[in-house]
Amino acid sequence: MRYDQLEHAIRAACDIAGDTELLIFGSQSILASFPDAPEALRASIEVDVQSKNRPEMTDFIDGALGQDSMFHSTHGFYVHGVSIEVATLPVGWSDRTIAVSDPVGTRGGTGQCLEAHDLAASKLVAYREKDRVFVTTLLTEGLIDSQILVDRIRALPVTDEVRDRLMRWVEITIAGLA
């Protein structure tokens, strides 16, 4: 996915939701922090969004712009309308979002995208292979700081067991990069 495609997704989802703001919390939220992110971080063809002020429109976004929709077949990517409640996010994440908004590209709509460290912590909670690879790439490319990531892991609403596992993973991964 490219930055202009993220803008298109924001524009289209705002139109469907009748809202001017979206929460964007999947992997493609990385484009707010790094518009020219390495290709490995831009591999996903979906943008996870929820209307900020009209969350009840989430299913409408997914129906109109989601996987296998006309939008998907026309543009080669899709907008997954999904509740932000499915993501496990560090305390304070909403104060650190990065806005993507442009009078032309988003037609004034705004996508509030997860900050890179919050995104990485959330990805690690999911702990799928693709999520660990995503975070490893962020660390390898120097796009996130390991200590800030550890701080965000400490701020996750998870059990101590999960938190300890994630912190060990970061420690081992950083050691492997040295």
C-alpha atoms as a PDB file:
ATOM      1  CA  MET A   1       0.000   0.000   0.000  1.00  0.00           C
ATOM      2  CA  ARG A   2       1.136   3.547  -0.689  1.00  0.00           C
ATOM      3  CA  TYR A   3       0.465   6.789   1.180  1.00  0.00           C
ATOM      4  CA  ASP A   4      -1.870   8.029  -1.573  1.00  0.00           C
ATOM      5  CA  GLN A   5      -3.877   4.800  -1.224  1.00  0.00           C
ATOM      6  CA  LEU A   6      -4.154   5.409   2.527  1.00  0.00           C
ATOM      7  CA  GLU A   7      -5.496   8.881   1.738  1.00  0.00           C
ATOM      8  CA  HIS A   8      -7.978   7.339  -0.709  1.00  0.00           C
ATOM      9  CA  ALA A   9      -9.108   4.855   1.956  1.00  0.00           C
ATOM     10  CA  ILE A  10      -9.651   7.713   4.420  1.00  0.00           C
ATOM     11  CA  ARG A  11     -11.597   9.725   1.853  1.00  0.00           C
ATOM     12  CA  ALA A  12     -13.825   6.785   0.927  1.00  0.00           C
ATOM     13  CA  ALA A  13     -14.459   5.591   4.496  1.00  0.00           C
ATOM     14  CA  CYS A  14     -15.303   9.117   5.693  1.00  0.00           C
ATOM     15  CA  ASP A  15     -17.802   9.405   2.827  1.00  0.00           C
ATOM     16  CA  ILE A  16     -19.461   6.085   3.702  1.00  0.00           C
ATOM     17  CA  ALA A  17     -19.536   6.803   7.454  1.00  0.00           C
ATOM     18  CA  GLY A  18     -20.690  10.393   7.112  1.00  0.00           C
ATOM     19  CA  ASP A  19     -17.854  11.323   9.467  1.00  0.00           C
ATOM     20  CA  THR A  20     -14.776  13.497   9.130  1.00  0.00           C
ATOM     21  CA  GLU A  21     -12.579  11.380  11.404  1.00  0.00           C
ATOM     22  CA  LEU A  22     -11.466   7.763  11.444  1.00  0.00           C
ATOM     23  CA  LEU A  23      -9.351   5.677  13.782  1.00  0.00           C
ATOM     24  CA  ILE A  24      -6.782   3.702  11.795  1.00  0.00           C
ATOM     25  CA  PHE A  25      -5.075   0.977  13.755  1.00  0.00           C
ATOM     26  CA  GLY A  26      -3.809  -1.788  11.485  1.00  0.00           C
ATOM     27  CA  SER A  27      -0.376  -2.167   9.959  1.00  0.00           C
ATOM     28  CA  GLN A  28      -0.986   0.500   7.332  1.00  0.00           C
ATOM     29  CA  SER A  29      -1.235   3.136  10.050  1.00  0.00           C
ATOM     30  CA  ILE A  30       2.584   3.039   9.821  1.00  0.00           C
ATOM     31  CA  LEU A  31       2.273   5.260   6.740  1.00  0.00           C
ATOM     32  CA  ALA A  32       1.319   8.228   8.942  1.00  0.00           C
ATOM     33  CA  SER A  33       4.706   8.067  10.656  1.00  0.00           C
ATOM     34  CA  PHE A  34       6.678   6.846   7.645  1.00  0.00           C
ATOM     35  CA  PRO A  35       4.992   7.665   4.314  1.00  0.00           C
ATOM     36  CA  ASP A  36       7.859   5.957   2.467  1.00  0.00           C
ATOM     37  CA  ALA A  37       8.074   2.960   4.815  1.00  0.00           C
ATOM     38  CA  PRO A  38      10.005  -0.047   3.540  1.00  0.00           C
ATOM     39  CA  GLU A  39       7.969  -2.249   1.225  1.00  0.00           C
ATOM     40  CA  ALA A  40       7.895  -5.077   3.788  1.00  0.00           C
ATOM     41  CA  LEU A  41       5.843  -2.816   6.085  1.00  0.00           C
ATOM     42  CA  ARG A  42       3.459  -1.813   3.299  1.00  0.00           C
ATOM     43  CA  ALA A  43       2.651  -5.345   2.103  1.00  0.00           C
ATOM     44  CA  SER A  44      -0.890  -5.467   3.479  1.00  0.00           C
ATOM     45  CA  ILE A  45      -3.677  -4.438   1.112  1.00  0.00           C
ATOM     46  CA  GLU A  46      -6.140  -3.651   3.885  1.00  0.00           C
ATOM     47  CA  VAL A  47      -6.679  -0.607   6.067  1.00  0.00           C
ATOM     48  CA  ASP A  48      -8.345  -1.295   9.436  1.00  0.00           C
ATOM     49  CA  VAL A  49     -10.642   1.594  10.327  1.00  0.00           C
ATOM     50  CA  GLN A  50     -13.439   2.632  12.619  1.00  0.00           C
ATOM     51  CA  SER A  51     -15.419   5.828  12.273  1.00  0.00           C
ATOM     52  CA  LYS A  52     -14.409   7.942  15.270  1.00  0.00           C
ATOM     53  CA  ASN A  53     -17.686   9.767  15.817  1.00  0.00           C
ATOM     54  CA  ARG A  54     -20.060   7.247  14.238  1.00  0.00           C
ATOM     55  CA  PRO A  55     -18.784   3.797  15.264  1.00  0.00           C
ATOM     56  CA  GLU A  56     -22.152   2.306  14.345  1.00  0.00           C
ATOM     57  CA  MET A  57     -21.130   2.844  10.701  1.00  0.00           C
ATOM     58  CA  THR A  58     -18.296   0.294  10.921  1.00  0.00           C
ATOM     59  CA  ASP A  59     -20.272  -2.488   9.219  1.00  0.00           C
ATOM     60  CA  PHE A  60     -21.347  -0.097   6.451  1.00  0.00           C
ATOM     61  CA  ILE A  61     -17.714   0.799   5.768  1.00  0.00           C
ATOM     62  CA  ASP A  62     -16.812  -2.884   5.628  1.00  0.00           C
ATOM     63  CA  GLY A  63     -19.736  -3.718   3.344  1.00  0.00           C
ATOM     64  CA  ALA A  64     -19.036  -0.929   0.883  1.00  0.00           C
ATOM     65  CA  LEU A  65     -15.242  -0.925   0.889  1.00  0.00           C
ATOM     66  CA  GLY A  66     -14.213  -4.276   2.392  1.00  0.00           C
ATOM     67  CA  GLN A  67     -12.687  -7.441   1.047  1.00  0.00           C
ATOM     68  CA  ASP A  68     -14.212  -8.615  -2.249  1.00  0.00           C
ATOM     69  CA  SER A  69     -16.180  -5.368  -2.634  1.00  0.00           C
ATOM     70  CA  MET A  70     -16.330  -3.404  -5.880  1.00  0.00           C
ATOM     71  CA  PHE A  71     -13.952  -0.917  -4.239  1.00  0.00           C
ATOM     72  CA  HIS A  72     -11.463  -3.748  -3.600  1.00  0.00           C
ATOM     73  CA  SER A  73     -11.635  -5.119  -7.132  1.00  0.00           C
ATOM     74  CA  THR A  74     -11.351  -1.621  -8.621  1.00  0.00           C
ATOM     75  CA  HIS A  75      -8.469  -0.313  -6.506  1.00  0.00           C
ATOM     76  CA  GLY A  76      -6.558  -3.425  -5.456  1.00  0.00           C
ATOM     77  CA  PHE A  77      -6.851  -2.698  -1.727  1.00  0.00           C
ATOM     78  CA  TYR A  78      -9.723  -2.577   0.707  1.00  0.00           C
ATOM     79  CA  VAL A  79     -10.954  -0.872   3.840  1.00  0.00           C
ATOM     80  CA  HIS A  80     -11.766  -3.236   6.679  1.00  0.00           C
ATOM     81  CA  GLY A  81     -14.390  -1.663   8.884  1.00  0.00           C
ATOM     82  CA  VAL A  82     -13.703  -3.147  12.296  1.00  0.00           C
ATOM     83  CA  SER A  83     -14.130  -2.037  15.883  1.00  0.00           C
ATOM     84  CA  ILE A  84     -10.989  -0.690  17.509  1.00  0.00           C
ATOM     85  CA  GLU A  85     -11.988  -2.828  20.493  1.00  0.00           C
ATOM     86  CA  VAL A  86     -10.415  -5.816  18.687  1.00  0.00           C
ATOM     87  CA  ALA A  87      -6.968  -4.261  19.171  1.00  0.00           C
ATOM     88  CA  THR A  88      -5.091  -4.339  22.457  1.00  0.00           C
ATOM     89  CA  LEU A  89      -3.493  -0.913  22.760  1.00  0.00           C
ATOM     90  CA  PRO A  90      -1.200   0.760  25.297  1.00  0.00           C
ATOM     91  CA  VAL A  91      -2.742   3.191  27.756  1.00  0.00           C
ATOM     92  CA  GLY A  92      -2.654   6.700  26.269  1.00  0.00           C
ATOM     93  CA  TRP A  93      -2.536   5.591  22.635  1.00  0.00           C
ATOM     94  CA  SER A  94      -5.276   8.015  21.602  1.00  0.00           C
ATOM     95  CA  ASP A  95      -3.154  10.981  22.736  1.00  0.00           C
ATOM     96  CA  ARG A  96      -0.325   9.899  20.441  1.00  0.00           C
ATOM     97  CA  THR A  97      -2.145   9.282  17.158  1.00  0.00           C
ATOM     98  CA  ILE A  98      -0.772  10.881  14.022  1.00  0.00           C
ATOM     99  CA  ALA A  99      -3.253  12.625  11.767  1.00  0.00           C
ATOM    100  CA  VAL A 100      -3.366  12.021   8.041  1.00  0.00           C
ATOM    101  CA  SER A 101      -5.397  14.776   6.451  1.00  0.00           C
ATOM    102  CA  ASP A 102      -5.145  16.771   3.269  1.00  0.00           C
ATOM    103  CA  PRO A 103      -7.586  19.098   1.512  1.00  0.00           C
ATOM    104  CA  VAL A 104      -7.171  17.114  -1.710  1.00  0.00           C
ATOM    105  CA  GLY A 105      -5.924  13.607  -0.801  1.00  0.00           C
ATOM    106  CA  THR A 106      -8.444  12.975   1.978  1.00  0.00           C
ATOM    107  CA  ARG A 107     -10.868  15.761   1.011  1.00  0.00           C
ATOM    108  CA  GLY A 108     -10.478  17.149   4.521  1.00  0.00           C
ATOM    109  CA  GLY A 109     -11.215  13.839   6.248  1.00  0.00           C
ATOM    110  CA  THR A 110      -8.756  12.815   8.936  1.00  0.00           C
ATOM    111  CA  GLY A 111      -7.353   9.404   9.714  1.00  0.00           C
ATOM    112  CA  GLN A 112      -6.038   9.255  13.271  1.00  0.00           C
ATOM    113  CA  CYS A 113      -3.331   6.613  12.856  1.00  0.00           C
ATOM    114  CA  LEU A 114      -1.555   4.713  15.591  1.00  0.00           C
ATOM    115  CA  GLU A 115       1.899   6.012  16.430  1.00  0.00           C
ATOM    116  CA  ALA A 116       4.603   3.494  15.418  1.00  0.00           C
ATOM    117  CA  HIS A 117       5.494   2.289  18.952  1.00  0.00           C
ATOM    118  CA  ASP A 118       1.827   1.844  19.878  1.00  0.00           C
ATOM    119  CA  LEU A 119       1.305  -0.092  16.647  1.00  0.00           C
ATOM    120  CA  ALA A 120       4.320  -2.304  17.380  1.00  0.00           C
ATOM    121  CA  ALA A 121       3.138  -3.078  20.919  1.00  0.00           C
ATOM    122  CA  SER A 122      -0.320  -3.941  19.608  1.00  0.00           C
ATOM    123  CA  LYS A 123       1.164  -6.171  16.908  1.00  0.00           C
ATOM    124  CA  LEU A 124       3.200  -8.031  19.503  1.00  0.00           C
ATOM    125  CA  VAL A 125       0.106  -8.759  21.582  1.00  0.00           C
ATOM    126  CA  ALA A 126      -1.386 -10.533  18.551  1.00  0.00           C
ATOM    127  CA  TYR A 127       1.930 -12.418  18.311  1.00  0.00           C
ATOM    128  CA  ARG A 128       1.301 -13.875  14.863  1.00  0.00           C
ATOM    129  CA  GLU A 129       4.403 -14.639  12.789  1.00  0.00           C
ATOM    130  CA  LYS A 130       3.601 -11.775  10.385  1.00  0.00           C
ATOM    131  CA  ASP A 131       3.262  -9.372  13.330  1.00  0.00           C
ATOM    132  CA  ARG A 132       6.618 -10.374  14.820  1.00  0.00           C
ATOM    133  CA  VAL A 133       8.235  -9.951  11.390  1.00  0.00           C
ATOM    134  CA  PHE A 134       6.598  -6.517  11.098  1.00  0.00           C
ATOM    135  CA  VAL A 135       8.007  -5.393  14.474  1.00  0.00           C
ATOM    136  CA  THR A 136      11.408  -6.915  13.714  1.00  0.00           C
ATOM    137  CA  THR A 137      11.481  -4.862  10.504  1.00  0.00           C
ATOM    138  CA  LEU A 138      10.597  -1.691  12.436  1.00  0.00           C
ATOM    139  CA  LEU A 139      13.480  -2.384  14.818  1.00  0.00           C
ATOM    140  CA  THR A 140      15.948  -3.419  12.095  1.00  0.00           C
ATOM    141  CA  GLU A 141      15.222  -0.313  10.043  1.00  0.00           C
ATOM    142  CA  GLY A 142      15.598   1.932  13.099  1.00  0.00           C
ATOM    143  CA  LEU A 143      12.039   3.200  12.769  1.00  0.00           C
ATOM    144  CA  ILE A 144      11.212   2.526  16.426  1.00  0.00           C
ATOM    145  CA  ASP A 145      13.251   2.667  19.610  1.00  0.00           C
ATOM    146  CA  SER A 146      13.394  -0.547  21.639  1.00  0.00           C
ATOM    147  CA  GLN A 147      13.189   1.258  25.004  1.00  0.00           C
ATOM    148  CA  ILE A 148      10.073   3.187  23.969  1.00  0.00           C
ATOM    149  CA  LEU A 149       8.596  -0.100  22.722  1.00  0.00           C
ATOM    150  CA  VAL A 150       9.281  -1.686  26.125  1.00  0.00           C
ATOM    151  CA  ASP A 151       7.613   1.303  27.819  1.00  0.00           C
ATOM    152  CA  ARG A 152       4.550   0.824  25.592  1.00  0.00           C
ATOM    153  CA  ILE A 153       4.490  -2.899  26.388  1.00  0.00           C
ATOM    154  CA  ARG A 154       4.460  -1.971  30.074  1.00  0.00           C
ATOM    155  CA  ALA A 155       1.383   0.181  29.354  1.00  0.00           C
ATOM    156  CA  LEU A 156      -0.586  -2.648  27.718  1.00  0.00           C
ATOM    157  CA  PRO A 157      -3.698  -3.941  29.500  1.00  0.00           C
ATOM    158  CA  VAL A 158      -2.442  -7.546  29.516  1.00  0.00           C
ATOM    159  CA  THR A 159      -1.469 -10.106  32.136  1.00  0.00           C
ATOM    160  CA  ASP A 160       1.985 -10.018  33.679  1.00  0.00           C
ATOM    161  CA  GLU A 161       2.722 -13.314  31.934  1.00  0.00           C
ATOM    162  CA  VAL A 162       1.959 -11.853  28.496  1.00  0.00           C
ATOM    163  CA  ARG A 163       3.848  -8.643  29.278  1.00  0.00           C
ATOM    164  CA  ASP A 164       6.932 -10.596  30.409  1.00  0.00           C
ATOM    165  CA  ARG A 165       6.835 -12.753  27.249  1.00  0.00           C
ATOM    166  CA  LEU A 166       6.686  -9.667  25.023  1.00  0.00           C
ATOM    167  CA  MET A 167       9.496  -7.928  26.872  1.00  0.00           C
ATOM    168  CA  ARG A 168      11.668 -11.068  26.580  1.00  0.00           C
ATOM    169  CA  TRP A 169      10.871 -11.188  22.860  1.00  0.00           C
ATOM    170  CA  VAL A 170      12.070  -7.588  22.432  1.00  0.00           C
ATOM    171  CA  GLU A 171      15.229  -8.302  24.444  1.00  0.00           C
ATOM    172  CA  ILE A 172      16.066 -11.411  22.388  1.00  0.00           C
ATOM    173  CA  THR A 173      15.239  -9.693  19.101  1.00  0.00           C
ATOM    174  CA  ILE A 174      17.426  -6.673  19.911  1.00  0.00           C
ATOM    175  CA  ALA A 175      20.300  -8.968  20.939  1.00  0.00           C
ATOM    176  CA  GLY A 176      19.947 -10.780  17.605  1.00  0.00           C
ATOM    177  CA  LEU A 177      20.198  -7.508  15.703  1.00  0.00           C
ATOM    178  CA  ALA A 178      23.468  -6.490  17.375  1.00  0.00           C
END
